[in-house]
Structures are given as C-alpha cells and as structure tokens.
Amino acid sequence: MSKQVIVLAPDIHPDRPRRKFLPILSLFVASSLLAPIVFDAAALCYGHWRDLLGSPVDIRTPTLDAIGERVAEVREDVKYHISSRFHRVPWNPRVVLMIAVAVMLVAIMMLRL
C-alpha cells in the first residue's frame, strides 16, 4: 500500500525576497542622527569616570545642552499657555471639587476594568 503525500497548503507561494536597502538606509540615517547624542553621552560618562578617579576634566556637551534648552523653552511655553487658560476662568470650589471627584471615579472605574 503506497502512502500519498498530503499537501497542507497548495495555494501558499513562497514569499518574495525581502528588500535589504530600506532597513540599511534607515539604520544609516538613524545612526547619523543619533551619533552626536551618543558622543556627548559617552563624553559625559568619561568625565564622570575621570572625576571619580581623581583627575577632573572639562566636558563640553553642546548637543545635550541644546536639547535641554529646547525642552526648557517648550516647558515654559506650555506652562504659559495652559496657565493663561486657567487664570481667566473664575473658579468655584464646589464645581472644581465635583469635577475632580467625577474624574477620580472615572479613573477608578477604568483601573478596575
């Protein structure tokens, strides 16, 4: 008695070969964009280790400093725009407390689900 081969998926075709150009290009772009940040972080770690070993060194991190300045600017802008909205509204403590209780109850219900 001969055994027949069972074909499980006759309509599945082998996948096309994946393109390797796009992942390599995206890796190159990401690494070139992140290189200054990684370099500054490495210089900062090196400076801390040198300071720990007893020989202080002057470390300059222009990229991390620029990022920190931009984050501070954005924080101040957001704080100004949000606080200006809330300072114009006359606050009634009863309404504010009721809204806070309602938001807390909704948050509790969402956490329990």
Protein backbone atom coordinates (compact mmCIF):
# COMPACT_ATOMS: atom_id res chain seq x y z
CA MET A 1 0.00 0.00 0.00
CA SER A 2 1.50 3.31 -1.05
CA LYS A 3 1.22 6.37 1.09
CA GLN A 4 0.14 9.55 -0.58
CA VAL A 5 1.65 12.90 0.25
CA ILE A 6 -0.79 15.25 1.90
CA VAL A 7 -0.49 18.81 0.67
CA LEU A 8 -1.41 21.11 3.53
CA ALA A 9 -1.35 24.45 1.77
CA PRO A 10 -1.26 24.24 -2.00
CA ASP A 11 -2.11 27.90 -2.56
CA ILE A 12 0.70 29.40 -0.47
CA HIS A 13 3.51 30.76 -2.59
CA PRO A 14 6.95 31.42 -1.20
CA ASP A 15 7.47 35.00 -0.12
CA ARG A 16 9.38 37.37 -2.31
CA PRO A 17 12.89 38.08 -1.15
CA ARG A 18 12.86 41.00 1.26
CA ARG A 19 14.45 44.23 0.25
CA LYS A 20 17.51 45.00 2.29
CA PHE A 21 18.02 48.52 1.02
CA LEU A 22 15.36 50.23 3.14
CA PRO A 23 16.43 48.81 6.54
CA ILE A 24 20.07 49.58 5.80
CA LEU A 25 19.21 53.12 4.74
CA SER A 26 17.03 53.72 7.81
CA LEU A 27 19.79 52.34 10.06
CA PHE A 28 22.31 54.68 8.44
CA VAL A 29 20.03 57.71 8.83
CA ALA A 30 19.15 56.87 12.45
CA SER A 31 22.77 56.27 13.42
CA SER A 32 23.93 59.52 11.82
CA LEU A 33 21.14 61.45 13.59
CA LEU A 34 21.87 59.86 16.98
CA ALA A 35 25.68 60.00 16.73
CA PRO A 36 26.08 63.46 18.34
CA ILE A 37 23.85 62.48 21.26
CA VAL A 38 25.72 59.22 21.80
CA PHE A 39 29.06 61.03 21.55
CA ASP A 40 28.02 63.63 24.16
CA ALA A 41 26.69 60.92 26.47
CA ALA A 42 29.93 58.96 26.14
CA ALA A 43 31.94 62.13 26.88
CA LEU A 44 29.80 62.74 29.95
CA CYS A 45 30.38 59.18 31.20
CA TYR A 46 34.10 59.54 30.53
CA GLY A 47 34.17 62.80 32.50
CA HIS A 48 32.39 61.22 35.45
CA TRP A 49 34.81 58.30 35.49
CA ARG A 50 37.80 60.64 35.30
CA ASP A 51 36.35 62.70 38.14
CA LEU A 52 35.82 59.53 40.16
CA LEU A 53 39.43 58.52 39.58
CA GLY A 54 40.66 61.86 40.84
CA SER A 55 41.53 63.83 37.74
CA PRO A 56 38.73 66.27 36.89
CA VAL A 57 38.22 67.04 33.23
CA ASP A 58 36.23 69.78 31.49
CA ILE A 59 33.47 68.18 29.43
CA ARG A 60 31.50 70.09 26.81
CA THR A 61 28.23 68.60 25.63
CA PRO A 62 26.73 71.04 23.12
CA THR A 63 24.09 68.67 21.79
CA LEU A 64 22.75 67.69 25.20
CA ASP A 65 22.84 71.34 26.29
CA ALA A 66 20.86 72.40 23.23
CA ILE A 67 18.31 69.65 23.82
CA GLY A 68 17.96 70.71 27.46
CA GLU A 69 17.45 74.35 26.45
CA ARG A 70 14.77 73.41 23.91
CA VAL A 71 12.98 71.23 26.47
CA ALA A 72 13.03 74.12 28.96
CA GLU A 73 11.65 76.51 26.33
CA VAL A 74 8.85 74.12 25.41
CA ARG A 75 8.04 73.56 29.09
CA GLU A 76 7.81 77.30 29.70
CA ASP A 77 5.64 77.83 26.60
CA VAL A 78 3.26 75.03 27.58
CA LYS A 79 3.13 76.31 31.16
CA TYR A 80 2.33 79.85 29.94
CA HIS A 81 -0.40 78.73 27.54
CA ILE A 82 -2.06 76.34 29.98
CA SER A 83 -1.86 78.66 32.97
CA SER A 84 -3.26 81.56 30.95
CA ARG A 85 -6.34 79.47 30.18
CA PHE A 86 -6.92 78.65 33.83
CA HIS A 87 -6.33 82.17 35.19
CA ARG A 88 -9.12 83.63 33.07
CA VAL A 89 -11.76 81.23 34.41
CA PRO A 90 -13.48 82.21 37.67
CA TRP A 91 -13.10 79.24 40.00
CA ASN A 92 -15.97 77.98 42.06
CA PRO A 93 -14.62 75.46 44.62
CA ARG A 94 -17.82 73.41 44.60
CA VAL A 95 -17.70 72.92 40.85
CA VAL A 96 -13.98 72.18 40.84
CA LEU A 97 -14.26 69.60 43.61
CA MET A 98 -17.24 67.91 41.94
CA ILE A 99 -15.36 67.70 38.64
CA ALA A 100 -12.29 66.31 40.45
CA VAL A 101 -14.42 63.67 42.18
CA ALA A 102 -16.04 62.71 38.87
CA VAL A 103 -12.67 62.39 37.14
CA MET A 104 -11.35 60.28 40.03
CA LEU A 105 -14.37 57.97 39.87
CA VAL A 106 -13.94 57.50 36.12
CA ALA A 107 -10.23 56.76 36.66
CA ILE A 108 -11.06 54.21 39.38
CA MET A 109 -13.59 52.53 37.12
CA MET A 110 -11.08 52.39 34.27
CA LEU A 111 -8.48 50.82 36.57
CA ARG A 112 -10.89 48.17 37.78
CA LEU A 113 -11.77 47.01 34.27
